[in-house]
Protein backbone atom coordinates (compact mmCIF):
# COMPACT_ATOMS: atom_id res chain seq x y z
CA MET A 1 42.98 145.34 -80.39
CA ASN A 2 41.83 147.79 -83.04
CA SER A 3 44.14 150.82 -82.74
CA ARG A 4 42.27 153.22 -85.03
CA LYS A 5 40.80 156.48 -83.83
CA PRO A 6 37.01 156.78 -83.61
CA LEU A 7 35.44 157.44 -87.01
CA THR A 8 33.85 160.85 -87.51
CA MET A 9 31.67 162.31 -90.25
CA HIS A 10 34.63 164.45 -91.31
CA ARG A 11 36.81 161.36 -91.66
CA LEU A 12 34.15 159.55 -93.70
CA ARG A 13 33.94 162.52 -96.06
CA GLU A 14 37.72 162.44 -96.40
CA MET A 15 37.54 158.76 -97.31
CA HIS A 16 34.88 159.50 -99.93
CA ALA A 17 36.93 162.34 -101.43
CA ALA A 18 40.09 160.21 -101.54
CA GLY A 19 38.37 157.16 -103.03
CA GLU A 20 39.03 155.08 -99.90
CA LYS A 21 36.20 152.59 -99.63
CA ILE A 22 33.90 152.55 -96.59
CA ALA A 23 32.81 149.19 -95.17
CA MET A 24 29.42 149.16 -93.43
CA LEU A 25 27.44 146.28 -91.92
CA THR A 26 24.19 146.12 -90.00
CA CYS A 27 24.54 145.39 -86.30
CA TYR A 28 21.98 144.89 -83.56
CA ASP A 29 23.76 144.06 -80.29
CA ALA A 30 26.80 144.79 -78.14
CA LEU A 31 28.74 141.58 -78.81
CA PHE A 32 28.55 141.85 -82.59
CA ALA A 33 29.35 145.57 -82.32
CA HIS A 34 32.58 144.68 -80.54
CA VAL A 35 33.48 141.96 -83.05
CA LEU A 36 32.76 144.12 -86.11
CA ASP A 37 34.55 147.14 -84.69
CA GLU A 38 37.63 145.04 -83.95
CA ALA A 39 37.46 143.63 -87.49
CA GLY A 40 37.74 147.15 -88.93
CA VAL A 41 34.17 147.76 -90.07
CA ASP A 42 33.88 151.53 -90.52
CA VAL A 43 30.15 152.02 -89.98
CA LEU A 44 27.64 150.01 -87.95
CA LEU A 45 24.05 150.41 -89.14
CA VAL A 46 21.44 149.59 -86.52
CA GLY A 47 18.97 148.61 -89.22
CA ASP A 48 15.25 148.13 -88.99
CA SER A 49 16.10 144.92 -90.86
CA LEU A 50 16.17 143.55 -87.32
CA GLY A 51 12.44 143.10 -87.77
CA MET A 52 13.15 140.38 -90.30
CA VAL A 53 16.41 138.80 -89.09
CA LEU A 54 15.79 139.00 -85.33
CA GLN A 55 12.02 139.28 -84.85
CA GLY A 56 10.83 137.04 -87.68
CA HIS A 57 8.59 139.54 -89.46
CA PRO A 58 8.19 139.35 -93.27
CA THR A 59 9.00 143.07 -93.64
CA THR A 60 10.54 145.91 -91.63
CA LEU A 61 7.18 147.62 -91.14
CA PRO A 62 6.30 146.27 -87.65
CA VAL A 63 9.54 147.58 -86.09
CA THR A 64 8.89 150.31 -83.50
CA ILE A 65 10.95 153.24 -82.32
CA ASP A 66 11.25 151.51 -78.94
CA ASP A 67 12.83 148.52 -80.69
CA MET A 68 15.32 150.78 -82.44
CA VAL A 69 16.22 152.72 -79.32
CA TYR A 70 16.89 149.47 -77.44
CA HIS A 71 19.14 148.02 -80.14
CA ALA A 72 20.94 151.31 -80.80
CA ALA A 73 21.86 151.46 -77.12
CA CYS A 74 23.13 147.87 -77.20
CA VAL A 75 25.32 148.55 -80.24
CA ALA A 76 26.67 151.79 -78.77
CA ARG A 77 27.76 149.98 -75.61
CA GLY A 78 29.69 147.37 -77.57
CA ASN A 79 31.32 149.72 -80.05
CA ARG A 80 34.51 151.73 -79.59
CA THR A 81 35.56 153.33 -82.89
CA ALA A 82 33.01 152.67 -85.66
CA TRP A 83 30.47 155.32 -86.73
CA VAL A 84 26.96 154.29 -85.61
CA ILE A 85 23.85 155.00 -87.68
CA ALA A 86 20.33 154.06 -86.56
CA ASP A 87 17.35 153.62 -88.85
CA MET A 88 14.24 155.60 -88.11
CA PRO A 89 11.54 152.92 -88.44
CA PHE A 90 8.27 153.14 -90.32
CA GLY A 91 5.87 155.53 -88.60
CA SER A 92 8.56 157.38 -86.64
CA TYR A 93 8.90 160.29 -89.08
CA GLN A 94 5.94 160.09 -91.49
CA GLU A 95 3.37 161.71 -89.19
CA SER A 96 4.98 165.10 -88.56
CA THR A 97 8.30 166.90 -88.38
CA GLU A 98 7.82 167.25 -84.63
CA SER A 99 7.48 163.49 -84.14
CA ALA A 100 10.51 162.95 -86.38
CA ILE A 101 12.59 165.29 -84.21
CA HIS A 102 11.37 163.63 -81.01
CA ASN A 103 12.18 160.13 -82.27
CA ALA A 104 15.55 161.12 -83.73
CA VAL A 105 16.50 162.66 -80.39
CA ARG A 106 15.67 159.36 -78.67
CA LEU A 107 17.98 157.46 -81.05
CA MET A 108 20.82 159.95 -80.56
CA GLN A 109 20.43 159.77 -76.78
CA ALA A 110 20.63 155.98 -77.05
CA GLY A 111 24.05 156.28 -78.67
CA ALA A 112 23.49 156.68 -82.42
CA GLN A 113 25.69 159.26 -84.13
CA MET A 114 23.43 159.63 -87.18
CA VAL A 115 19.88 158.65 -88.13
CA LYS A 116 18.71 157.28 -91.48
CA LEU A 117 15.49 158.17 -93.31
CA GLU A 118 14.11 156.25 -96.29
CA GLY A 119 12.77 157.96 -99.39
CA GLY A 120 13.15 161.22 -101.27
CA GLY A 121 11.08 164.27 -102.02
CA TRP A 122 8.93 164.62 -98.91
CA THR A 123 11.81 163.57 -96.63
CA ALA A 124 14.09 166.49 -97.59
CA PRO A 125 12.32 169.09 -95.38
CA ILE A 126 12.35 166.64 -92.47
CA ALA A 127 16.06 165.97 -92.97
CA GLN A 128 16.73 169.70 -93.04
CA ARG A 129 14.89 170.27 -89.76
CA LEU A 130 16.86 167.47 -88.11
CA VAL A 131 20.20 168.77 -89.40
CA GLU A 132 19.36 172.27 -88.20
CA ARG A 133 18.99 170.79 -84.72
CA GLY A 134 22.39 169.13 -84.77
CA ILE A 135 21.20 165.64 -85.73
CA PRO A 136 23.28 164.14 -88.57
CA VAL A 137 21.11 162.47 -91.22
CA CYS A 138 21.74 159.71 -93.75
CA GLY A 139 19.38 159.44 -96.72
CA HIS A 140 18.24 156.21 -98.39
CA LEU A 141 17.11 156.09 -102.04
CA GLY A 142 16.35 153.44 -104.64
CA PHE A 143 14.64 150.40 -103.22
CA THR A 144 13.36 151.46 -99.80
CA PRO A 145 12.16 148.47 -97.72
CA GLN A 146 9.62 150.51 -95.74
CA SER A 147 7.85 151.20 -99.07
CA VAL A 148 7.94 147.58 -100.25
CA HIS A 149 4.19 147.42 -100.81
CA ALA A 150 4.04 150.73 -102.66
CA LEU A 151 6.97 149.68 -104.88
CA GLY A 152 5.33 146.37 -105.82
CA GLY A 153 7.88 144.13 -104.14
CA TYR A 154 11.64 143.79 -104.10
CA ARG A 155 12.49 145.38 -107.46
CA VAL A 156 15.49 147.21 -108.87
CA GLN A 157 14.74 150.94 -109.03
CA GLY A 158 15.89 153.60 -111.50
CA ARG A 159 16.15 151.48 -114.65
CA GLU A 160 14.03 153.81 -116.81
CA ASP A 161 15.19 157.33 -117.70
CA THR A 162 12.35 159.03 -115.84
CA ALA A 163 12.94 156.95 -112.72
CA ALA A 164 16.69 157.64 -112.87
CA ASP A 165 16.05 161.37 -113.25
CA SER A 166 13.77 161.25 -110.22
CA LEU A 167 16.49 159.61 -108.14
CA ARG A 168 19.03 162.21 -109.27
CA ARG A 169 16.66 165.02 -108.27
CA GLN A 170 15.85 163.45 -104.93
CA ALA A 171 19.55 162.95 -104.17
CA GLU A 172 20.31 166.60 -104.90
CA GLU A 173 17.40 167.72 -102.71
CA LEU A 174 18.69 165.64 -99.81
CA ILE A 175 22.19 167.09 -100.21
CA VAL A 176 20.76 170.63 -100.18
CA ALA A 177 18.84 169.65 -97.03
CA GLY A 178 22.15 168.77 -95.38
CA VAL A 179 22.31 164.98 -95.30
CA GLY A 180 25.82 163.76 -94.57
CA MET A 181 25.60 160.36 -96.22
CA LEU A 182 23.41 158.53 -98.72
CA VAL A 183 22.55 154.84 -99.05
CA VAL A 184 21.45 153.69 -102.51
CA GLU A 185 19.82 150.27 -102.73
CA MET A 186 19.20 148.11 -105.80
CA ILE A 187 19.78 150.75 -108.47
CA PRO A 188 21.80 150.35 -111.71
CA ALA A 189 25.55 150.43 -111.15
CA ALA A 190 26.08 153.21 -113.70
CA LEU A 191 23.61 155.47 -111.89
CA ALA A 192 25.16 154.70 -108.50
CA ARG A 193 28.62 155.48 -109.87
CA GLU A 194 27.35 158.77 -111.31
CA LEU A 195 25.81 159.84 -108.01
CA THR A 196 28.98 158.91 -106.14
CA LYS A 197 31.10 161.10 -108.41
CA ARG A 198 28.63 163.99 -108.35
CA LEU A 199 27.76 164.20 -104.67
CA ALA A 200 30.03 165.62 -101.98
CA VAL A 201 28.93 163.06 -99.37
CA PRO A 202 29.70 159.33 -99.12
CA VAL A 203 27.33 157.17 -101.18
CA ILE A 204 27.02 153.66 -99.75
CA GLY A 205 25.66 150.96 -102.05
CA ILE A 206 23.73 147.77 -101.48
CA GLY A 207 23.09 145.90 -104.68
CA ALA A 208 24.24 149.01 -106.57
CA GLY A 209 27.64 148.00 -107.96
CA VAL A 210 31.23 148.59 -107.02
CA GLY A 211 31.42 152.28 -107.95
CA CYS A 212 30.00 153.63 -104.69
CA SER A 213 31.99 155.18 -101.84
CA GLY A 214 31.42 151.98 -99.89
CA GLN A 215 29.14 149.01 -99.33
CA VAL A 216 26.64 147.77 -96.78
CA LEU A 217 25.10 144.34 -96.23
CA VAL A 218 22.75 142.86 -93.68
CA LEU A 219 25.03 141.08 -91.21
CA HIS A 220 23.10 137.81 -91.22
CA ASP A 221 23.07 137.71 -95.04
CA MET A 222 26.83 138.24 -95.12
CA LEU A 223 27.29 135.38 -92.65
CA GLY A 224 25.05 133.05 -94.66
CA VAL A 225 22.58 132.40 -91.83
CA SER A 226 19.40 134.01 -93.19
CA VAL A 227 16.22 131.93 -93.03
CA ASP A 228 14.77 133.24 -96.29
CA ARG A 229 16.57 133.36 -99.62
CA THR A 230 19.14 136.14 -99.80
CA PRO A 231 19.42 138.74 -102.55
CA ARG A 232 21.62 137.76 -105.47
CA PHE A 233 24.04 140.62 -104.73
CA VAL A 234 24.96 139.07 -101.35
CA ARG A 235 28.10 136.99 -100.84
CA ASN A 236 28.50 134.49 -98.01
CA PHE A 237 31.73 135.63 -96.35
CA MET A 238 31.71 132.72 -93.91
CA ALA A 239 32.66 130.47 -96.83
CA GLY A 240 36.37 129.87 -96.45
CA ASN A 241 36.55 131.52 -93.02
CA SER A 242 36.60 129.71 -89.69
CA SER A 243 35.18 132.54 -87.56
CA ILE A 244 32.73 135.41 -87.68
CA ALA A 245 35.58 137.82 -87.02
CA GLY A 246 37.45 136.36 -89.98
CA ALA A 247 34.41 136.73 -92.23
CA ALA A 248 34.03 140.37 -91.15
CA ARG A 249 37.71 141.07 -91.84
CA GLN A 250 37.35 139.43 -95.26
CA TYR A 251 34.33 141.60 -96.03
CA VAL A 252 36.22 144.76 -95.05
CA ALA A 253 39.25 143.75 -97.13
CA ASP A 254 37.18 142.87 -100.20
CA VAL A 255 35.16 146.09 -100.05
CA LYS A 256 38.27 148.22 -99.71
CA ALA A 257 40.08 146.39 -102.54
CA ASN A 258 37.06 146.60 -104.91
CA ARG A 259 36.72 142.80 -104.89
CA PHE A 260 33.12 143.12 -103.68
CA PRO A 261 30.60 143.59 -105.20
CA ASP A 262 30.44 143.34 -109.00
CA ASP A 263 28.57 145.72 -111.31
CA GLU A 264 25.73 143.38 -112.22
CA VAL A 265 22.24 144.71 -111.49
CA HIS A 266 20.94 142.21 -108.97
CA GLY A 267 17.51 142.02 -107.39
CA PHE A 268 16.15 139.32 -105.12
């Protein structure tokens, strides 16, 4: 049995400051929460990616707050020590700050310990209002799946100087607003490394190189069971492992030893 103490935001900040890598995976139910927690995964992300890998949608956009509350509660019941973050789905925080607070409260009551918002600029005031009310917030910059249509598809973000400067500014605004963690997706490795060194909070990468505070992958991608083609930055950790628990332990070990990922800029 996993003998570690429950992860806290303070402990995750300590890991970031000490250069100890943080291993995060998406998770959607109690059984996988138990398996991943026992395997040593530090953070379980109840991702709105469930719309694609569980519900069969082509994007995350149809996922509702009711869906997220249900799955957050399932994960919380199966978990013992990992930190649990729940995505706020499309439409749950765009309308007003009041609706964002209401929906974030629902996720926290379901068992999440932090909520995640996609995008920068306009999200900073919302994040600040949530933090002021005792709701820990994780930001998400770079490629943001809820904005897939506005971004023109699954494209690496921040390649050009102006785009990189915009991401830097948005990251700083989110930090000032009080976010406790930041996910950066599909941005150049050099930019992700720079943000990780500059910011006082953990920066978790997905398709953003090895220089981040830690890594996150969609669970089903990591296990090699996705229906659609997986992003090029994904590795199938079931290869060479005889069990899901073994694959999860391998993922944790490779993230913490800097064996995953590489610094190539990978899209889909």
